[in-house]
Amino acid sequence: MQVIATTDHSSIIQSLRDVGYRLTPQRMMVVSILYDSKGHVSAEEIHDRVREHYPFVDISTVYRTLQLLKKLHIVSETDLGGGRVQFELAHQDRHHHLVCRQCGGTFALDDGLLEPLREQMQGRYGFEADMEHFAIFGVCAACRKRR
């Protein structure tokens, strides 16, 4: 399976075509919505926006499209809490999130901080960790002060 490493809207569309995927209006809408979102968005939010133009689109079409884009490393999937998985265009600069369980605040976590962990897992266990995009839950500094 070819990995598509781009986040430019037209490049994503062209890359899907190049690897043999049909460009249905629904797929193109999902890609456009992800591109326009500039951040995290749920499958349900994408579905709602697609239905504005294609009212009979089933949510399973959105999920299948998201899984294809995830398989091609075009989007990443993260659970930021609240019971919903969020999707975001994959970026060259990986990033992660710290999520406060008390206030719900989300803070960026630089991927560079995880490099020593990746190296230790590789060295100690021979395990190459897939750490593309995830959340670590805890309590933020402001909430700790209020305790």
C-alpha atoms as a PDB file:
ATOM      1  CA  MET A   1       0.000   0.000   0.000  1.00  0.00           C
ATOM      2  CA  GLN A   2       1.404   3.349  -1.012  1.00  0.00           C
ATOM      3  CA  VAL A   3       1.587   5.988   1.691  1.00  0.00           C
ATOM      4  CA  ILE A   4       0.524   9.467   0.654  1.00  0.00           C
ATOM      5  CA  ALA A   5       2.542  11.998   2.633  1.00  0.00           C
ATOM      6  CA  THR A   6       0.956  15.320   1.786  1.00  0.00           C
ATOM      7  CA  THR A   7      -1.626  17.637   3.249  1.00  0.00           C
ATOM      8  CA  ASP A   8      -2.172  19.879   0.226  1.00  0.00           C
ATOM      9  CA  HIS A   9      -5.812  19.507  -0.857  1.00  0.00           C
ATOM     10  CA  SER A  10      -5.236  19.077  -4.589  1.00  0.00           C
ATOM     11  CA  SER A  11      -2.244  16.784  -3.980  1.00  0.00           C
ATOM     12  CA  ILE A  12      -4.362  14.503  -1.801  1.00  0.00           C
ATOM     13  CA  ILE A  13      -7.044  14.275  -4.488  1.00  0.00           C
ATOM     14  CA  GLN A  14      -4.459  13.606  -7.202  1.00  0.00           C
ATOM     15  CA  SER A  15      -2.640  11.036  -5.058  1.00  0.00           C
ATOM     16  CA  LEU A  16      -5.852   9.112  -4.448  1.00  0.00           C
ATOM     17  CA  ARG A  17      -6.441   9.063  -8.188  1.00  0.00           C
ATOM     18  CA  ASP A  18      -2.827   7.986  -8.846  1.00  0.00           C
ATOM     19  CA  VAL A  19      -3.108   4.945  -6.542  1.00  0.00           C
ATOM     20  CA  GLY A  20      -6.340   3.884  -8.234  1.00  0.00           C
ATOM     21  CA  TYR A  21      -9.114   5.094  -5.950  1.00  0.00           C
ATOM     22  CA  ARG A  22     -12.263   6.498  -7.475  1.00  0.00           C
ATOM     23  CA  LEU A  23     -12.903  10.107  -6.629  1.00  0.00           C
ATOM     24  CA  THR A  24     -16.554  10.020  -5.693  1.00  0.00           C
ATOM     25  CA  PRO A  25     -18.188  13.316  -4.748  1.00  0.00           C
ATOM     26  CA  GLN A  26     -18.511  11.996  -1.194  1.00  0.00           C
ATOM     27  CA  ARG A  27     -14.785  11.207  -0.902  1.00  0.00           C
ATOM     28  CA  MET A  28     -13.889  14.583  -2.303  1.00  0.00           C
ATOM     29  CA  MET A  29     -16.225  16.271   0.199  1.00  0.00           C
ATOM     30  CA  VAL A  30     -14.659  14.395   3.143  1.00  0.00           C
ATOM     31  CA  VAL A  31     -11.164  15.435   2.024  1.00  0.00           C
ATOM     32  CA  SER A  32     -12.308  19.030   1.541  1.00  0.00           C
ATOM     33  CA  ILE A  33     -13.947  19.172   4.968  1.00  0.00           C
ATOM     34  CA  LEU A  34     -10.828  17.761   6.630  1.00  0.00           C
ATOM     35  CA  TYR A  35      -8.674  20.245   4.763  1.00  0.00           C
ATOM     36  CA  ASP A  36     -10.911  23.199   5.636  1.00  0.00           C
ATOM     37  CA  SER A  37     -11.215  22.167   9.292  1.00  0.00           C
ATOM     38  CA  LYS A  38      -7.580  22.991  10.092  1.00  0.00           C
ATOM     39  CA  GLY A  39      -7.830  20.816  13.181  1.00  0.00           C
ATOM     40  CA  HIS A  40      -9.705  17.974  14.808  1.00  0.00           C
ATOM     41  CA  VAL A  41     -13.148  16.976  13.582  1.00  0.00           C
ATOM     42  CA  SER A  42     -15.363  13.983  14.353  1.00  0.00           C
ATOM     43  CA  ALA A  43     -16.878  11.638  11.776  1.00  0.00           C
ATOM     44  CA  GLU A  44     -20.299  12.886  12.856  1.00  0.00           C
ATOM     45  CA  GLU A  45     -19.319  16.503  12.193  1.00  0.00           C
ATOM     46  CA  ILE A  46     -17.955  15.532   8.774  1.00  0.00           C
ATOM     47  CA  HIS A  47     -21.157  13.606   8.039  1.00  0.00           C
ATOM     48  CA  ASP A  48     -23.303  16.605   8.967  1.00  0.00           C
ATOM     49  CA  ARG A  49     -21.321  18.849   6.636  1.00  0.00           C
ATOM     50  CA  VAL A  50     -21.359  16.338   3.747  1.00  0.00           C
ATOM     51  CA  ARG A  51     -25.137  15.981   4.106  1.00  0.00           C
ATOM     52  CA  GLU A  52     -25.539  19.710   3.470  1.00  0.00           C
ATOM     53  CA  HIS A  53     -24.595  18.939  -0.152  1.00  0.00           C
ATOM     54  CA  TYR A  54     -25.496  15.219  -0.407  1.00  0.00           C
ATOM     55  CA  PRO A  55     -28.471  14.654   1.940  1.00  0.00           C
ATOM     56  CA  PHE A  56     -28.653  10.890   1.397  1.00  0.00           C
ATOM     57  CA  VAL A  57     -25.031  10.084   2.296  1.00  0.00           C
ATOM     58  CA  ASP A  58     -24.838   7.448   5.004  1.00  0.00           C
ATOM     59  CA  ILE A  59     -22.404   7.872   7.883  1.00  0.00           C
ATOM     60  CA  SER A  60     -20.862   4.501   6.970  1.00  0.00           C
ATOM     61  CA  THR A  61     -19.584   6.156   3.753  1.00  0.00           C
ATOM     62  CA  VAL A  62     -17.832   8.782   5.867  1.00  0.00           C
ATOM     63  CA  TYR A  63     -16.319   6.109   8.154  1.00  0.00           C
ATOM     64  CA  ARG A  64     -15.101   4.026   5.185  1.00  0.00           C
ATOM     65  CA  THR A  65     -13.532   7.115   3.608  1.00  0.00           C
ATOM     66  CA  LEU A  66     -11.843   8.070   6.895  1.00  0.00           C
ATOM     67  CA  GLN A  67     -10.481   4.534   7.314  1.00  0.00           C
ATOM     68  CA  LEU A  68      -9.068   4.625   3.763  1.00  0.00           C
ATOM     69  CA  LEU A  69      -7.446   8.010   4.416  1.00  0.00           C
ATOM     70  CA  LYS A  70      -6.069   6.706   7.709  1.00  0.00           C
ATOM     71  CA  LYS A  71      -4.647   3.606   5.993  1.00  0.00           C
ATOM     72  CA  LEU A  72      -2.909   5.873   3.475  1.00  0.00           C
ATOM     73  CA  HIS A  73      -1.566   8.059   6.343  1.00  0.00           C
ATOM     74  CA  ILE A  74      -3.473  11.086   5.073  1.00  0.00           C
ATOM     75  CA  VAL A  75      -5.406  11.483   8.320  1.00  0.00           C
ATOM     76  CA  SER A  76      -4.661  10.605  11.906  1.00  0.00           C
ATOM     77  CA  GLU A  77      -7.176   9.483  14.486  1.00  0.00           C
ATOM     78  CA  THR A  78      -7.134  10.491  18.156  1.00  0.00           C
ATOM     79  CA  ASP A  79      -9.393  10.059  21.136  1.00  0.00           C
ATOM     80  CA  LEU A  80      -9.330  13.388  22.944  1.00  0.00           C
ATOM     81  CA  GLY A  81     -11.923  12.234  25.465  1.00  0.00           C
ATOM     82  CA  GLY A  82     -15.630  12.846  25.494  1.00  0.00           C
ATOM     83  CA  GLY A  83     -16.399   9.510  23.849  1.00  0.00           C
ATOM     84  CA  ARG A  84     -15.660  10.596  20.270  1.00  0.00           C
ATOM     85  CA  VAL A  85     -12.720   9.866  18.055  1.00  0.00           C
ATOM     86  CA  GLN A  86     -11.389  12.922  16.244  1.00  0.00           C
ATOM     87  CA  PHE A  87      -9.717  13.024  12.835  1.00  0.00           C
ATOM     88  CA  GLU A  88      -7.164  15.479  11.511  1.00  0.00           C
ATOM     89  CA  LEU A  89      -5.036  15.715   8.392  1.00  0.00           C
ATOM     90  CA  ALA A  90      -1.691  14.113   9.097  1.00  0.00           C
ATOM     91  CA  HIS A  91       1.109  16.654   9.215  1.00  0.00           C
ATOM     92  CA  GLN A  92       4.804  16.251   8.592  1.00  0.00           C
ATOM     93  CA  ASP A  93       5.344  17.605  12.115  1.00  0.00           C
ATOM     94  CA  ARG A  94       3.771  15.047  14.418  1.00  0.00           C
ATOM     95  CA  HIS A  95       2.087  16.386  17.493  1.00  0.00           C
ATOM     96  CA  HIS A  96       0.223  15.016  20.446  1.00  0.00           C
ATOM     97  CA  HIS A  97      -2.051  16.321  23.164  1.00  0.00           C
ATOM     98  CA  LEU A  98      -2.205  16.571  26.923  1.00  0.00           C
ATOM     99  CA  VAL A  99      -5.859  16.515  27.996  1.00  0.00           C
ATOM    100  CA  CYS A 100      -6.949  17.681  31.445  1.00  0.00           C
ATOM    101  CA  ARG A 101      -9.543  15.366  32.987  1.00  0.00           C
ATOM    102  CA  GLN A 102     -10.852  18.153  35.223  1.00  0.00           C
ATOM    103  CA  CYS A 103     -11.291  21.208  32.985  1.00  0.00           C
ATOM    104  CA  GLY A 104     -11.162  19.459  29.596  1.00  0.00           C
ATOM    105  CA  GLY A 105      -8.339  21.710  28.411  1.00  0.00           C
ATOM    106  CA  THR A 106      -6.132  20.401  25.612  1.00  0.00           C
ATOM    107  CA  PHE A 107      -2.472  21.333  25.360  1.00  0.00           C
ATOM    108  CA  ALA A 108       0.024  20.543  22.606  1.00  0.00           C
ATOM    109  CA  LEU A 109       2.771  18.038  23.344  1.00  0.00           C
ATOM    110  CA  ASP A 110       5.874  18.261  21.164  1.00  0.00           C
ATOM    111  CA  ASP A 111       6.704  14.983  19.436  1.00  0.00           C
ATOM    112  CA  GLY A 112      10.389  15.492  20.247  1.00  0.00           C
ATOM    113  CA  LEU A 113       9.702  14.685  23.888  1.00  0.00           C
ATOM    114  CA  LEU A 114       8.675  11.183  22.854  1.00  0.00           C
ATOM    115  CA  GLU A 115      11.791  10.393  20.834  1.00  0.00           C
ATOM    116  CA  PRO A 116      13.686   8.950  23.843  1.00  0.00           C
ATOM    117  CA  LEU A 117      10.700   6.677  24.547  1.00  0.00           C
ATOM    118  CA  ARG A 118      10.641   5.495  20.904  1.00  0.00           C
ATOM    119  CA  GLU A 119      14.371   4.774  21.055  1.00  0.00           C
ATOM    120  CA  GLN A 120      14.070   2.860  24.333  1.00  0.00           C
ATOM    121  CA  MET A 121      11.228   0.711  22.992  1.00  0.00           C
ATOM    122  CA  GLN A 122      13.262  -0.018  19.875  1.00  0.00           C
ATOM    123  CA  GLY A 123      16.442  -0.802  21.807  1.00  0.00           C
ATOM    124  CA  ARG A 124      14.963  -2.762  24.692  1.00  0.00           C
ATOM    125  CA  TYR A 125      12.120  -4.604  22.952  1.00  0.00           C
ATOM    126  CA  GLY A 126      12.942  -4.317  19.258  1.00  0.00           C
ATOM    127  CA  PHE A 127       9.519  -2.673  18.977  1.00  0.00           C
ATOM    128  CA  GLU A 128       8.911   0.129  16.508  1.00  0.00           C
ATOM    129  CA  ALA A 129       6.115   2.175  18.069  1.00  0.00           C
ATOM    130  CA  ASP A 130       3.462   3.774  15.894  1.00  0.00           C
ATOM    131  CA  MET A 131       3.093   7.043  17.776  1.00  0.00           C
ATOM    132  CA  GLU A 132       1.561   9.273  15.122  1.00  0.00           C
ATOM    133  CA  HIS A 133      -1.022  11.205  17.091  1.00  0.00           C
ATOM    134  CA  PHE A 134      -2.403  10.561  20.536  1.00  0.00           C
ATOM    135  CA  ALA A 135      -3.586  12.073  23.784  1.00  0.00           C
ATOM    136  CA  ILE A 136      -2.256  11.690  27.312  1.00  0.00           C
ATOM    137  CA  PHE A 137      -4.823  12.324  30.026  1.00  0.00           C
ATOM    138  CA  GLY A 138      -4.060  13.880  33.409  1.00  0.00           C
ATOM    139  CA  VAL A 139      -4.541  17.104  35.362  1.00  0.00           C
ATOM    140  CA  CYS A 140      -3.231  20.450  34.113  1.00  0.00           C
ATOM    141  CA  ALA A 141      -1.175  22.860  36.224  1.00  0.00           C
ATOM    142  CA  ALA A 142      -4.077  25.304  36.717  1.00  0.00           C
ATOM    143  CA  CYS A 143      -6.398  22.568  38.026  1.00  0.00           C
ATOM    144  CA  ARG A 144      -3.665  21.202  40.287  1.00  0.00           C
ATOM    145  CA  LYS A 145      -3.256  24.677  41.813  1.00  0.00           C
ATOM    146  CA  ARG A 146      -6.994  24.890  42.510  1.00  0.00           C
ATOM    147  CA  ARG A 147      -6.992  21.629  44.504  1.00  0.00           C
END
